[in-house]
Amino acid sequence: NPAKKIEFDAVVANPPFSYRWKPTEE
């Protein structure tokens, strides 16, 4: 729900590069 979801003034990240994952239909 957009009215209830938590939001952040700043988002920073250094995620693993070109990480292999399993995108599903869900």
mmCIF file of all heavy atoms, coordinates in Angstrom:
data_MODEL
# 
_entry.id   MODEL 
# 
loop_
_atom_site.group_PDB 
_atom_site.id 
_atom_site.type_symbol 
_atom_site.label_atom_id 
_atom_site.label_alt_id 
_atom_site.label_comp_id 
_atom_site.label_asym_id 
_atom_site.label_entity_id 
_atom_site.label_seq_id 
_atom_site.pdbx_PDB_ins_code 
_atom_site.Cartn_x 
_atom_site.Cartn_y 
_atom_site.Cartn_z 
_atom_site.occupancy 
_atom_site.B_iso_or_equiv 
_atom_site.pdbx_formal_charge 
_atom_site.auth_seq_id 
_atom_site.auth_comp_id 
_atom_site.auth_asym_id 
_atom_site.auth_atom_id 
_atom_site.pdbx_PDB_model_num 
ATOM 1   N N   . ASN A 1 1  ? 0.848  -1.192  0.000   1.00 0.00 ? 1  ASN A N   1 
ATOM 2   C CA  . ASN A 1 1  ? 0.000  0.000   0.000   1.00 0.00 ? 1  ASN A CA  1 
ATOM 3   C C   . ASN A 1 1  ? 0.889  1.249   0.000   1.00 0.00 ? 1  ASN A C   1 
ATOM 4   O O   . ASN A 1 1  ? 1.649  1.473   0.944   1.00 0.00 ? 1  ASN A O   1 
ATOM 5   C CB  . ASN A 1 1  ? -0.891 -0.017  1.257   1.00 0.00 ? 1  ASN A CB  1 
ATOM 6   C CG  . ASN A 1 1  ? -1.862 1.141   1.279   1.00 0.00 ? 1  ASN A CG  1 
ATOM 7   O OD1 . ASN A 1 1  ? -1.660 2.158   0.604   1.00 0.00 ? 1  ASN A OD1 1 
ATOM 8   N ND2 . ASN A 1 1  ? -2.924 0.992   2.056   1.00 0.00 ? 1  ASN A ND2 1 
ATOM 9   N N   . PRO A 1 2  ? 0.816  2.078   -1.065  1.00 0.00 ? 2  PRO A N   1 
ATOM 10  C CA  . PRO A 1 2  ? 1.682  3.266   -1.152  1.00 0.00 ? 2  PRO A CA  1 
ATOM 11  C C   . PRO A 1 2  ? 1.546  4.195   0.045   1.00 0.00 ? 2  PRO A C   1 
ATOM 12  O O   . PRO A 1 2  ? 2.489  4.887   0.417   1.00 0.00 ? 2  PRO A O   1 
ATOM 13  C CB  . PRO A 1 2  ? 1.199  3.957   -2.433  1.00 0.00 ? 2  PRO A CB  1 
ATOM 14  C CG  . PRO A 1 2  ? 0.516  2.893   -3.217  1.00 0.00 ? 2  PRO A CG  1 
ATOM 15  C CD  . PRO A 1 2  ? -0.084 1.963   -2.212  1.00 0.00 ? 2  PRO A CD  1 
ATOM 16  N N   . ALA A 1 3  ? 0.374  4.212   0.673   1.00 0.00 ? 3  ALA A N   1 
ATOM 17  C CA  . ALA A 1 3  ? 0.151  5.109   1.810   1.00 0.00 ? 3  ALA A CA  1 
ATOM 18  C C   . ALA A 1 3  ? 0.845  4.606   3.069   1.00 0.00 ? 3  ALA A C   1 
ATOM 19  O O   . ALA A 1 3  ? 1.109  5.373   3.993   1.00 0.00 ? 3  ALA A O   1 
ATOM 20  C CB  . ALA A 1 3  ? -1.340 5.254   2.066   1.00 0.00 ? 3  ALA A CB  1 
ATOM 21  N N   . LYS A 1 4  ? 1.139  3.300   3.105   1.00 0.00 ? 4  LYS A N   1 
ATOM 22  C CA  . LYS A 1 4  ? 1.715  2.713   4.320   1.00 0.00 ? 4  LYS A CA  1 
ATOM 23  C C   . LYS A 1 4  ? 3.169  2.289   4.171   1.00 0.00 ? 4  LYS A C   1 
ATOM 24  O O   . LYS A 1 4  ? 3.857  2.078   5.171   1.00 0.00 ? 4  LYS A O   1 
ATOM 25  C CB  . LYS A 1 4  ? 0.881  1.489   4.742   1.00 0.00 ? 4  LYS A CB  1 
ATOM 26  C CG  . LYS A 1 4  ? -0.515 1.822   5.230   1.00 0.00 ? 4  LYS A CG  1 
ATOM 27  C CD  . LYS A 1 4  ? -1.232 0.544   5.663   1.00 0.00 ? 4  LYS A CD  1 
ATOM 28  C CE  . LYS A 1 4  ? -2.626 0.851   6.160   1.00 0.00 ? 4  LYS A CE  1 
ATOM 29  N NZ  . LYS A 1 4  ? -3.355 -0.394  6.545   1.00 0.00 ? 4  LYS A NZ  1 
ATOM 30  N N   . LYS A 1 5  ? 3.642  2.154   2.947   1.00 0.00 ? 5  LYS A N   1 
ATOM 31  C CA  . LYS A 1 5  ? 4.991  1.600   2.770   1.00 0.00 ? 5  LYS A CA  1 
ATOM 32  C C   . LYS A 1 5  ? 6.060  2.542   3.329   1.00 0.00 ? 5  LYS A C   1 
ATOM 33  O O   . LYS A 1 5  ? 5.919  3.763   3.295   1.00 0.00 ? 5  LYS A O   1 
ATOM 34  C CB  . LYS A 1 5  ? 5.264  1.290   1.289   1.00 0.00 ? 5  LYS A CB  1 
ATOM 35  C CG  . LYS A 1 5  ? 5.696  2.468   0.450   1.00 0.00 ? 5  LYS A CG  1 
ATOM 36  C CD  . LYS A 1 5  ? 6.221  1.996   -0.916  1.00 0.00 ? 5  LYS A CD  1 
ATOM 37  C CE  . LYS A 1 5  ? 6.783  3.169   -1.679  1.00 0.00 ? 5  LYS A CE  1 
ATOM 38  N NZ  . LYS A 1 5  ? 7.313  2.836   -2.985  1.00 0.00 ? 5  LYS A NZ  1 
ATOM 39  N N   . ILE A 1 6  ? 7.121  1.954   3.839   1.00 0.00 ? 6  ILE A N   1 
ATOM 40  C CA  . ILE A 1 6  ? 8.227  2.727   4.392   1.00 0.00 ? 6  ILE A CA  1 
ATOM 41  C C   . ILE A 1 6  ? 9.096  3.247   3.251   1.00 0.00 ? 6  ILE A C   1 
ATOM 42  O O   . ILE A 1 6  ? 9.323  2.549   2.259   1.00 0.00 ? 6  ILE A O   1 
ATOM 43  C CB  . ILE A 1 6  ? 9.062  1.870   5.382   1.00 0.00 ? 6  ILE A CB  1 
ATOM 44  C CG1 . ILE A 1 6  ? 10.099 2.740   6.105   1.00 0.00 ? 6  ILE A CG1 1 
ATOM 45  C CG2 . ILE A 1 6  ? 9.734  0.688   4.682   1.00 0.00 ? 6  ILE A CG2 1 
ATOM 46  C CD1 . ILE A 1 6  ? 10.764 2.032   7.274   1.00 0.00 ? 6  ILE A CD1 1 
ATOM 47  N N   . GLU A 1 7  ? 9.537  4.508   3.357   1.00 0.00 ? 7  GLU A N   1 
ATOM 48  C CA  . GLU A 1 7  ? 10.395 5.106   2.333   1.00 0.00 ? 7  GLU A CA  1 
ATOM 49  C C   . GLU A 1 7  ? 11.622 5.730   2.987   1.00 0.00 ? 7  GLU A C   1 
ATOM 50  O O   . GLU A 1 7  ? 11.600 6.076   4.164   1.00 0.00 ? 7  GLU A O   1 
ATOM 51  C CB  . GLU A 1 7  ? 9.623  6.152   1.532   1.00 0.00 ? 7  GLU A CB  1 
ATOM 52  C CG  . GLU A 1 7  ? 8.529  5.550   0.670   1.00 0.00 ? 7  GLU A CG  1 
ATOM 53  C CD  . GLU A 1 7  ? 7.828  6.573   -0.213  1.00 0.00 ? 7  GLU A CD  1 
ATOM 54  O OE1 . GLU A 1 7  ? 7.599  7.712   0.259   1.00 0.00 ? 7  GLU A OE1 1 
ATOM 55  O OE2 . GLU A 1 7  ? 7.503  6.233   -1.361  1.00 0.00 ? 7  GLU A OE2 1 
ATOM 56  N N   . PHE A 1 8  ? 12.677 5.882   2.188   1.00 0.00 ? 8  PHE A N   1 
ATOM 57  C CA  . PHE A 1 8  ? 13.969 6.316   2.723   1.00 0.00 ? 8  PHE A CA  1 
ATOM 58  C C   . PHE A 1 8  ? 14.452 7.586   2.033   1.00 0.00 ? 8  PHE A C   1 
ATOM 59  O O   . PHE A 1 8  ? 14.363 7.714   0.810   1.00 0.00 ? 8  PHE A O   1 
ATOM 60  C CB  . PHE A 1 8  ? 14.994 5.188   2.550   1.00 0.00 ? 8  PHE A CB  1 
ATOM 61  C CG  . PHE A 1 8  ? 14.608 3.929   3.282   1.00 0.00 ? 8  PHE A CG  1 
ATOM 62  C CD1 . PHE A 1 8  ? 13.798 2.968   2.671   1.00 0.00 ? 8  PHE A CD1 1 
ATOM 63  C CD2 . PHE A 1 8  ? 15.017 3.720   4.582   1.00 0.00 ? 8  PHE A CD2 1 
ATOM 64  C CE1 . PHE A 1 8  ? 13.421 1.826   3.347   1.00 0.00 ? 8  PHE A CE1 1 
ATOM 65  C CE2 . PHE A 1 8  ? 14.656 2.573   5.270   1.00 0.00 ? 8  PHE A CE2 1 
ATOM 66  C CZ  . PHE A 1 8  ? 13.852 1.624   4.659   1.00 0.00 ? 8  PHE A CZ  1 
ATOM 67  N N   . ASP A 1 9  ? 14.996 8.496   2.835   1.00 0.00 ? 9  ASP A N   1 
ATOM 68  C CA  . ASP A 1 9  ? 15.522 9.751   2.292   1.00 0.00 ? 9  ASP A CA  1 
ATOM 69  C C   . ASP A 1 9  ? 16.806 9.519   1.508   1.00 0.00 ? 9  ASP A C   1 
ATOM 70  O O   . ASP A 1 9  ? 17.163 10.314  0.637   1.00 0.00 ? 9  ASP A O   1 
ATOM 71  C CB  . ASP A 1 9  ? 15.827 10.739  3.429   1.00 0.00 ? 9  ASP A CB  1 
ATOM 72  C CG  . ASP A 1 9  ? 14.566 11.152  4.167   1.00 0.00 ? 9  ASP A CG  1 
ATOM 73  O OD1 . ASP A 1 9  ? 13.502 11.189  3.524   1.00 0.00 ? 9  ASP A OD1 1 
ATOM 74  O OD2 . ASP A 1 9  ? 14.635 11.421  5.375   1.00 0.00 ? 9  ASP A OD2 1 
ATOM 75  N N   . ALA A 1 10 ? 17.531 8.455   1.863   1.00 0.00 ? 10 ALA A N   1 
ATOM 76  C CA  . ALA A 1 10 ? 18.766 8.117   1.148   1.00 0.00 ? 10 ALA A CA  1 
ATOM 77  C C   . ALA A 1 10 ? 18.875 6.601   1.045   1.00 0.00 ? 10 ALA A C   1 
ATOM 78  O O   . ALA A 1 10 ? 18.606 5.883   2.008   1.00 0.00 ? 10 ALA A O   1 
ATOM 79  C CB  . ALA A 1 10 ? 19.990 8.680   1.870   1.00 0.00 ? 10 ALA A CB  1 
ATOM 80  N N   . VAL A 1 11 ? 19.231 6.132   -0.142  1.00 0.00 ? 11 VAL A N   1 
ATOM 81  C CA  . VAL A 1 11 ? 19.505 4.704   -0.368  1.00 0.00 ? 11 VAL A CA  1 
ATOM 82  C C   . VAL A 1 11 ? 20.907 4.602   -0.941  1.00 0.00 ? 11 VAL A C   1 
ATOM 83  O O   . VAL A 1 11 ? 21.221 5.256   -1.941  1.00 0.00 ? 11 VAL A O   1 
ATOM 84  C CB  . VAL A 1 11 ? 18.482 4.068   -1.341  1.00 0.00 ? 11 VAL A CB  1 
ATOM 85  C CG1 . VAL A 1 11 ? 18.828 2.590   -1.586  1.00 0.00 ? 11 VAL A CG1 1 
ATOM 86  C CG2 . VAL A 1 11 ? 17.061 4.203   -0.804  1.00 0.00 ? 11 VAL A CG2 1 
ATOM 87  N N   . VAL A 1 12 ? 21.748 3.818   -0.297  1.00 0.00 ? 12 VAL A N   1 
ATOM 88  C CA  . VAL A 1 12 ? 23.112 3.594   -0.786  1.00 0.00 ? 12 VAL A CA  1 
ATOM 89  C C   . VAL A 1 12 ? 23.342 2.087   -0.866  1.00 0.00 ? 12 VAL A C   1 
ATOM 90  O O   . VAL A 1 12 ? 22.790 1.336   -0.063  1.00 0.00 ? 12 VAL A O   1 
ATOM 91  C CB  . VAL A 1 12 ? 24.171 4.231   0.143   1.00 0.00 ? 12 VAL A CB  1 
ATOM 92  C CG1 . VAL A 1 12 ? 24.171 5.740   0.031   1.00 0.00 ? 12 VAL A CG1 1 
ATOM 93  C CG2 . VAL A 1 12 ? 23.975 3.811   1.602   1.00 0.00 ? 12 VAL A CG2 1 
ATOM 94  N N   . ALA A 1 13 ? 24.157 1.654   -1.823  1.00 0.00 ? 13 ALA A N   1 
ATOM 95  C CA  . ALA A 1 13 ? 24.392 0.208   -1.926  1.00 0.00 ? 13 ALA A CA  1 
ATOM 96  C C   . ALA A 1 13 ? 25.596 -0.108  -2.799  1.00 0.00 ? 13 ALA A C   1 
ATOM 97  O O   . ALA A 1 13 ? 25.896 0.604   -3.756  1.00 0.00 ? 13 ALA A O   1 
ATOM 98  C CB  . ALA A 1 13 ? 23.152 -0.488  -2.493  1.00 0.00 ? 13 ALA A CB  1 
ATOM 99  N N   . ASN A 1 14 ? 26.244 -1.202  -2.428  1.00 0.00 ? 14 ASN A N   1 
ATOM 100 C CA  . ASN A 1 14 ? 27.311 -1.792  -3.223  1.00 0.00 ? 14 ASN A CA  1 
ATOM 101 C C   . ASN A 1 14 ? 27.004 -3.284  -3.322  1.00 0.00 ? 14 ASN A C   1 
ATOM 102 O O   . ASN A 1 14 ? 27.652 -4.111  -2.680  1.00 0.00 ? 14 ASN A O   1 
ATOM 103 C CB  . ASN A 1 14 ? 28.671 -1.541  -2.541  1.00 0.00 ? 14 ASN A CB  1 
ATOM 104 C CG  . ASN A 1 14 ? 29.812 -2.266  -3.240  1.00 0.00 ? 14 ASN A CG  1 
ATOM 105 O OD1 . ASN A 1 14 ? 29.732 -2.572  -4.425  1.00 0.00 ? 14 ASN A OD1 1 
ATOM 106 N ND2 . ASN A 1 14 ? 30.862 -2.565  -2.493  1.00 0.00 ? 14 ASN A ND2 1 
ATOM 107 N N   . PRO A 1 15 ? 25.983 -3.648  -4.123  1.00 0.00 ? 15 PRO A N   1 
ATOM 108 C CA  . PRO A 1 15 ? 25.585 -5.056  -4.198  1.00 0.00 ? 15 PRO A CA  1 
ATOM 109 C C   . PRO A 1 15 ? 26.613 -5.879  -4.976  1.00 0.00 ? 15 PRO A C   1 
ATOM 110 O O   . PRO A 1 15 ? 27.456 -5.317  -5.684  1.00 0.00 ? 15 PRO A O   1 
ATOM 111 C CB  . PRO A 1 15 ? 24.251 -4.997  -4.960  1.00 0.00 ? 15 PRO A CB  1 
ATOM 112 C CG  . PRO A 1 15 ? 24.331 -3.750  -5.775  1.00 0.00 ? 15 PRO A CG  1 
ATOM 113 C CD  . PRO A 1 15 ? 25.166 -2.786  -4.991  1.00 0.00 ? 15 PRO A CD  1 
ATOM 114 N N   . PRO A 1 16 ? 26.574 -7.214  -4.848  1.00 0.00 ? 16 PRO A N   1 
ATOM 115 C CA  . PRO A 1 16 ? 27.516 -8.057  -5.601  1.00 0.00 ? 16 PRO A CA  1 
ATOM 116 C C   . PRO A 1 16 ? 27.353 -7.850  -7.104  1.00 0.00 ? 16 PRO A C   1 
ATOM 117 O O   . PRO A 1 16 ? 26.228 -7.818  -7.613  1.00 0.00 ? 16 PRO A O   1 
ATOM 118 C CB  . PRO A 1 16 ? 27.160 -9.481  -5.175  1.00 0.00 ? 16 PRO A CB  1 
ATOM 119 C CG  . PRO A 1 16 ? 25.813 -9.383  -4.525  1.00 0.00 ? 16 PRO A CG  1 
ATOM 120 C CD  . PRO A 1 16 ? 25.679 -8.014  -3.990  1.00 0.00 ? 16 PRO A CD  1 
ATOM 121 N N   . PHE A 1 17 ? 28.471 -7.679  -7.811  1.00 0.00 ? 17 PHE A N   1 
ATOM 122 C CA  . PHE A 1 17 ? 28.435 -7.383  -9.247  1.00 0.00 ? 17 PHE A CA  1 
ATOM 123 C C   . PHE A 1 17 ? 28.005 -8.596  -10.072 1.00 0.00 ? 17 PHE A C   1 
ATOM 124 O O   . PHE A 1 17 ? 28.494 -9.704  -9.865  1.00 0.00 ? 17 PHE A O   1 
ATOM 125 C CB  . PHE A 1 17 ? 29.809 -6.914  -9.737  1.00 0.00 ? 17 PHE A CB  1 
ATOM 126 C CG  . PHE A 1 17 ? 30.334 -5.686  -9.036  1.00 0.00 ? 17 PHE A CG  1 
ATOM 127 C CD1 . PHE A 1 17 ? 31.685 -5.489  -8.858  1.00 0.00 ? 17 PHE A CD1 1 
ATOM 128 C CD2 . PHE A 1 17 ? 29.463 -4.726  -8.550  1.00 0.00 ? 17 PHE A CD2 1 
ATOM 129 C CE1 . PHE A 1 17 ? 32.166 -4.362  -8.207  1.00 0.00 ? 17 PHE A CE1 1 
ATOM 130 C CE2 . PHE A 1 17 ? 29.931 -3.597  -7.897  1.00 0.00 ? 17 PHE A CE2 1 
ATOM 131 C CZ  . PHE A 1 17 ? 31.293 -3.412  -7.730  1.00 0.00 ? 17 PHE A CZ  1 
ATOM 132 N N   . SER A 1 18 ? 27.079 -8.346  -11.018 1.00 0.00 ? 18 SER A N   1 
ATOM 133 C CA  . SER A 1 18 ? 26.622 -9.361  -11.982 1.00 0.00 ? 18 SER A CA  1 
ATOM 134 C C   . SER A 1 18 ? 26.318 -10.701 -11.299 1.00 0.00 ? 18 SER A C   1 
ATOM 135 O O   . SER A 1 18 ? 26.741 -11.770 -11.740 1.00 0.00 ? 18 SER A O   1 
ATOM 136 C CB  . SER A 1 18 ? 27.661 -9.547  -13.090 1.00 0.00 ? 18 SER A CB  1 
ATOM 137 O OG  . SER A 1 18 ? 27.845 -8.313  -13.769 1.00 0.00 ? 18 SER A OG  1 
ATOM 138 N N   . TYR A 1 19 ? 25.584 -10.618 -10.208 1.00 0.00 ? 19 TYR A N   1 
ATOM 139 C CA  . TYR A 1 19 ? 25.215 -11.782 -9.400  1.00 0.00 ? 19 TYR A CA  1 
ATOM 140 C C   . TYR A 1 19 ? 24.200 -12.635 -10.162 1.00 0.00 ? 19 TYR A C   1 
ATOM 141 O O   . TYR A 1 19 ? 23.206 -12.121 -10.690 1.00 0.00 ? 19 TYR A O   1 
ATOM 142 C CB  . TYR A 1 19 ? 24.617 -11.266 -8.084  1.00 0.00 ? 19 TYR A CB  1 
ATOM 143 C CG  . TYR A 1 19 ? 24.138 -12.303 -7.116  1.00 0.00 ? 19 TYR A CG  1 
ATOM 144 C CD1 . TYR A 1 19 ? 25.035 -13.028 -6.347  1.00 0.00 ? 19 TYR A CD1 1 
ATOM 145 C CD2 . TYR A 1 19 ? 22.770 -12.546 -6.953  1.00 0.00 ? 19 TYR A CD2 1 
ATOM 146 C CE1 . TYR A 1 19 ? 24.588 -13.968 -5.432  1.00 0.00 ? 19 TYR A CE1 1 
ATOM 147 C CE2 . TYR A 1 19 ? 22.316 -13.480 -6.038  1.00 0.00 ? 19 TYR A CE2 1 
ATOM 148 C CZ  . TYR A 1 19 ? 23.234 -14.187 -5.289  1.00 0.00 ? 19 TYR A CZ  1 
ATOM 149 O OH  . TYR A 1 19 ? 22.784 -15.124 -4.383  1.00 0.00 ? 19 TYR A OH  1 
ATOM 150 N N   . ARG A 1 20 ? 24.433 -13.938 -10.221 1.00 0.00 ? 20 ARG A N   1 
ATOM 151 C CA  . ARG A 1 20 ? 23.491 -14.847 -10.900 1.00 0.00 ? 20 ARG A CA  1 
ATOM 152 C C   . ARG A 1 20 ? 22.325 -15.129 -9.944  1.00 0.00 ? 20 ARG A C   1 
ATOM 153 O O   . ARG A 1 20 ? 22.531 -15.495 -8.796  1.00 0.00 ? 20 ARG A O   1 
ATOM 154 C CB  . ARG A 1 20 ? 24.176 -16.161 -11.283 1.00 0.00 ? 20 ARG A CB  1 
ATOM 155 C CG  . ARG A 1 20 ? 25.248 -15.979 -12.360 1.00 0.00 ? 20 ARG A CG  1 
ATOM 156 C CD  . ARG A 1 20 ? 25.773 -17.321 -12.850 1.00 0.00 ? 20 ARG A CD  1 
ATOM 157 N NE  . ARG A 1 20 ? 24.767 -18.034 -13.633 1.00 0.00 ? 20 ARG A NE  1 
ATOM 158 C CZ  . ARG A 1 20 ? 24.533 -17.835 -14.922 1.00 0.00 ? 20 ARG A CZ  1 
ATOM 159 N NH1 . ARG A 1 20 ? 25.228 -16.931 -15.597 1.00 0.00 ? 20 ARG A NH1 1 
ATOM 160 N NH2 . ARG A 1 20 ? 23.614 -18.524 -15.555 1.00 0.00 ? 20 ARG A NH2 1 
ATOM 161 N N   . TRP A 1 21 ? 21.096 -14.941 -10.461 1.00 0.00 ? 21 TRP A N   1 
ATOM 162 C CA  . TRP A 1 21 ? 19.929 -15.169 -9.621  1.00 0.00 ? 21 TRP A CA  1 
ATOM 163 C C   . TRP A 1 21 ? 18.885 -15.968 -10.378 1.00 0.00 ? 21 TRP A C   1 
ATOM 164 O O   . TRP A 1 21 ? 19.107 -16.350 -11.536 1.00 0.00 ? 21 TRP A O   1 
ATOM 165 C CB  . TRP A 1 21 ? 19.383 -13.845 -9.090  1.00 0.00 ? 21 TRP A CB  1 
ATOM 166 C CG  . TRP A 1 21 ? 18.682 -12.965 -10.120 1.00 0.00 ? 21 TRP A CG  1 
ATOM 167 C CD1 . TRP A 1 21 ? 19.148 -12.627 -11.353 1.00 0.00 ? 21 TRP A CD1 1 
ATOM 168 C CD2 . TRP A 1 21 ? 17.412 -12.330 -9.972  1.00 0.00 ? 21 TRP A CD2 1 
ATOM 169 N NE1 . TRP A 1 21 ? 18.260 -11.804 -11.984 1.00 0.00 ? 21 TRP A NE1 1 
ATOM 170 C CE2 . TRP A 1 21 ? 17.193 -11.599 -11.167 1.00 0.00 ? 21 TRP A CE2 1 
ATOM 171 C CE3 . TRP A 1 21 ? 16.462 -12.274 -8.968  1.00 0.00 ? 21 TRP A CE3 1 
ATOM 172 C CZ2 . TRP A 1 21 ? 16.026 -10.847 -11.360 1.00 0.00 ? 21 TRP A CZ2 1 
ATOM 173 C CZ3 . TRP A 1 21 ? 15.313 -11.518 -9.162  1.00 0.00 ? 21 TRP A CZ3 1 
ATOM 174 C CH2 . TRP A 1 21 ? 15.106 -10.815 -10.345 1.00 0.00 ? 21 TRP A CH2 1 
ATOM 175 N N   . LYS A 1 22 ? 17.750 -16.245 -9.725  1.00 0.00 ? 22 LYS A N   1 
ATOM 176 C CA  . LYS A 1 22 ? 16.715 -17.069 -10.343 1.00 0.00 ? 22 LYS A CA  1 
ATOM 177 C C   . LYS A 1 22 ? 15.397 -16.297 -10.402 1.00 0.00 ? 22 LYS A C   1 
ATOM 178 O O   . LYS A 1 22 ? 14.541 -16.423 -9.519  1.00 0.00 ? 22 LYS A O   1 
ATOM 179 C CB  . LYS A 1 22 ? 16.541 -18.372 -9.557  1.00 0.00 ? 22 LYS A CB  1 
ATOM 180 C CG  . LYS A 1 22 ? 17.780 -19.254 -9.598  1.00 0.00 ? 22 LYS A CG  1 
ATOM 181 C CD  . LYS A 1 22 ? 17.602 -20.495 -8.742  1.00 0.00 ? 22 LYS A CD  1 
ATOM 182 C CE  . LYS A 1 22 ? 18.859 -21.352 -8.770  1.00 0.00 ? 22 LYS A CE  1 
ATOM 183 N NZ  . LYS A 1 22 ? 18.760 -22.530 -7.885  1.00 0.00 ? 22 LYS A NZ  1 
ATOM 184 N N   . PRO A 1 23 ? 15.228 -15.478 -11.458 1.00 0.00 ? 23 PRO A N   1 
ATOM 185 C CA  . PRO A 1 23 ? 13.961 -14.736 -11.594 1.00 0.00 ? 23 PRO A CA  1 
ATOM 186 C C   . PRO A 1 23 ? 12.812 -15.687 -11.936 1.00 0.00 ? 23 PRO A C   1 
ATOM 187 O O   . PRO A 1 23 ? 12.908 -16.473 -12.872 1.00 0.00 ? 23 PRO A O   1 
ATOM 188 C CB  . PRO A 1 23 ? 14.242 -13.765 -12.753 1.00 0.00 ? 23 PRO A CB  1 
ATOM 189 C CG  . PRO A 1 23 ? 15.397 -14.353 -13.499 1.00 0.00 ? 23 PRO A CG  1 
ATOM 190 C CD  . PRO A 1 23 ? 16.171 -15.205 -12.551 1.00 0.00 ? 23 PRO A CD  1 
ATOM 191 N N   . THR A 1 24 ? 11.748 -15.620 -11.165 1.00 0.00 ? 24 THR A N   1 
ATOM 192 C CA  . THR A 1 24 ? 10.601 -16.517 -11.365 1.00 0.00 ? 24 THR A CA  1 
ATOM 193 C C   . THR A 1 24 ? 9.391  -15.734 -11.890 1.00 0.00 ? 24 THR A C   1 
ATOM 194 O O   . THR A 1 24 ? 9.393  -14.501 -11.893 1.00 0.00 ? 24 THR A O   1 
ATOM 195 C CB  . THR A 1 24 ? 10.209 -17.165 -10.025 1.00 0.00 ? 24 THR A CB  1 
ATOM 196 O OG1 . THR A 1 24 ? 9.843  -16.119 -9.102  1.00 0.00 ? 24 THR A OG1 1 
ATOM 197 C CG2 . THR A 1 24 ? 11.369 -17.960 -9.438  1.00 0.00 ? 24 THR A CG2 1 
ATOM 198 N N   . GLU A 1 25 ? 8.369  -16.459 -12.296 1.00 0.00 ? 25 GLU A N   1 
ATOM 199 C CA  . GLU A 1 25 ? 7.130  -15.821 -12.772 1.00 0.00 ? 25 GLU A CA  1 
ATOM 200 C C   . GLU A 1 25 ? 6.492  -15.004 -11.649 1.00 0.00 ? 25 GLU A C   1 
ATOM 201 O O   . GLU A 1 25 ? 5.925  -13.937 -11.884 1.00 0.00 ? 25 GLU A O   1 
ATOM 202 C CB  . GLU A 1 25 ? 6.148  -16.895 -13.261 1.00 0.00 ? 25 GLU A CB  1 
ATOM 203 C CG  . GLU A 1 25 ? 6.558  -17.512 -14.589 1.00 0.00 ? 25 GLU A CG  1 
ATOM 204 C CD  . GLU A 1 25 ? 5.534  -18.534 -15.077 1.00 0.00 ? 25 GLU A CD  1 
ATOM 205 O OE1 . GLU A 1 25 ? 4.373  -18.479 -14.621 1.00 0.00 ? 25 GLU A OE1 1 
ATOM 206 O OE2 . GLU A 1 25 ? 5.910  -19.380 -15.899 1.00 0.00 ? 25 GLU A OE2 1 
ATOM 207 N N   . GLU A 1 26 ? 6.613  -15.520 -10.434 1.00 0.00 ? 26 GLU A N   1 
ATOM 208 C CA  . GLU A 1 26 ? 6.060  -14.814 -9.279  1.00 0.00 ? 26 GLU A CA  1 
ATOM 209 C C   . GLU A 1 26 ? 6.770  -13.469 -9.080  1.00 0.00 ? 26 GLU A C   1 
ATOM 210 O O   . GLU A 1 26 ? 6.127  -12.451 -8.804  1.00 0.00 ? 26 GLU A O   1 
ATOM 211 C CB  . GLU A 1 26 ? 6.231  -15.686 -8.029  1.00 0.00 ? 26 GLU A CB  1 
ATOM 212 C CG  . GLU A 1 26 ? 5.550  -15.125 -6.795  1.00 0.00 ? 26 GLU A CG  1 
ATOM 213 C CD  . GLU A 1 26 ? 5.775  -15.979 -5.557  1.00 0.00 ? 26 GLU A CD  1 
ATOM 214 O OE1 . GLU A 1 26 ? 6.370  -17.070 -5.668  1.00 0.00 ? 26 GLU A OE1 1 
ATOM 215 O OE2 . GLU A 1 26 ? 5.376  -15.518 -4.473  1.00 0.00 ? 26 GLU A OE2 1 
# 
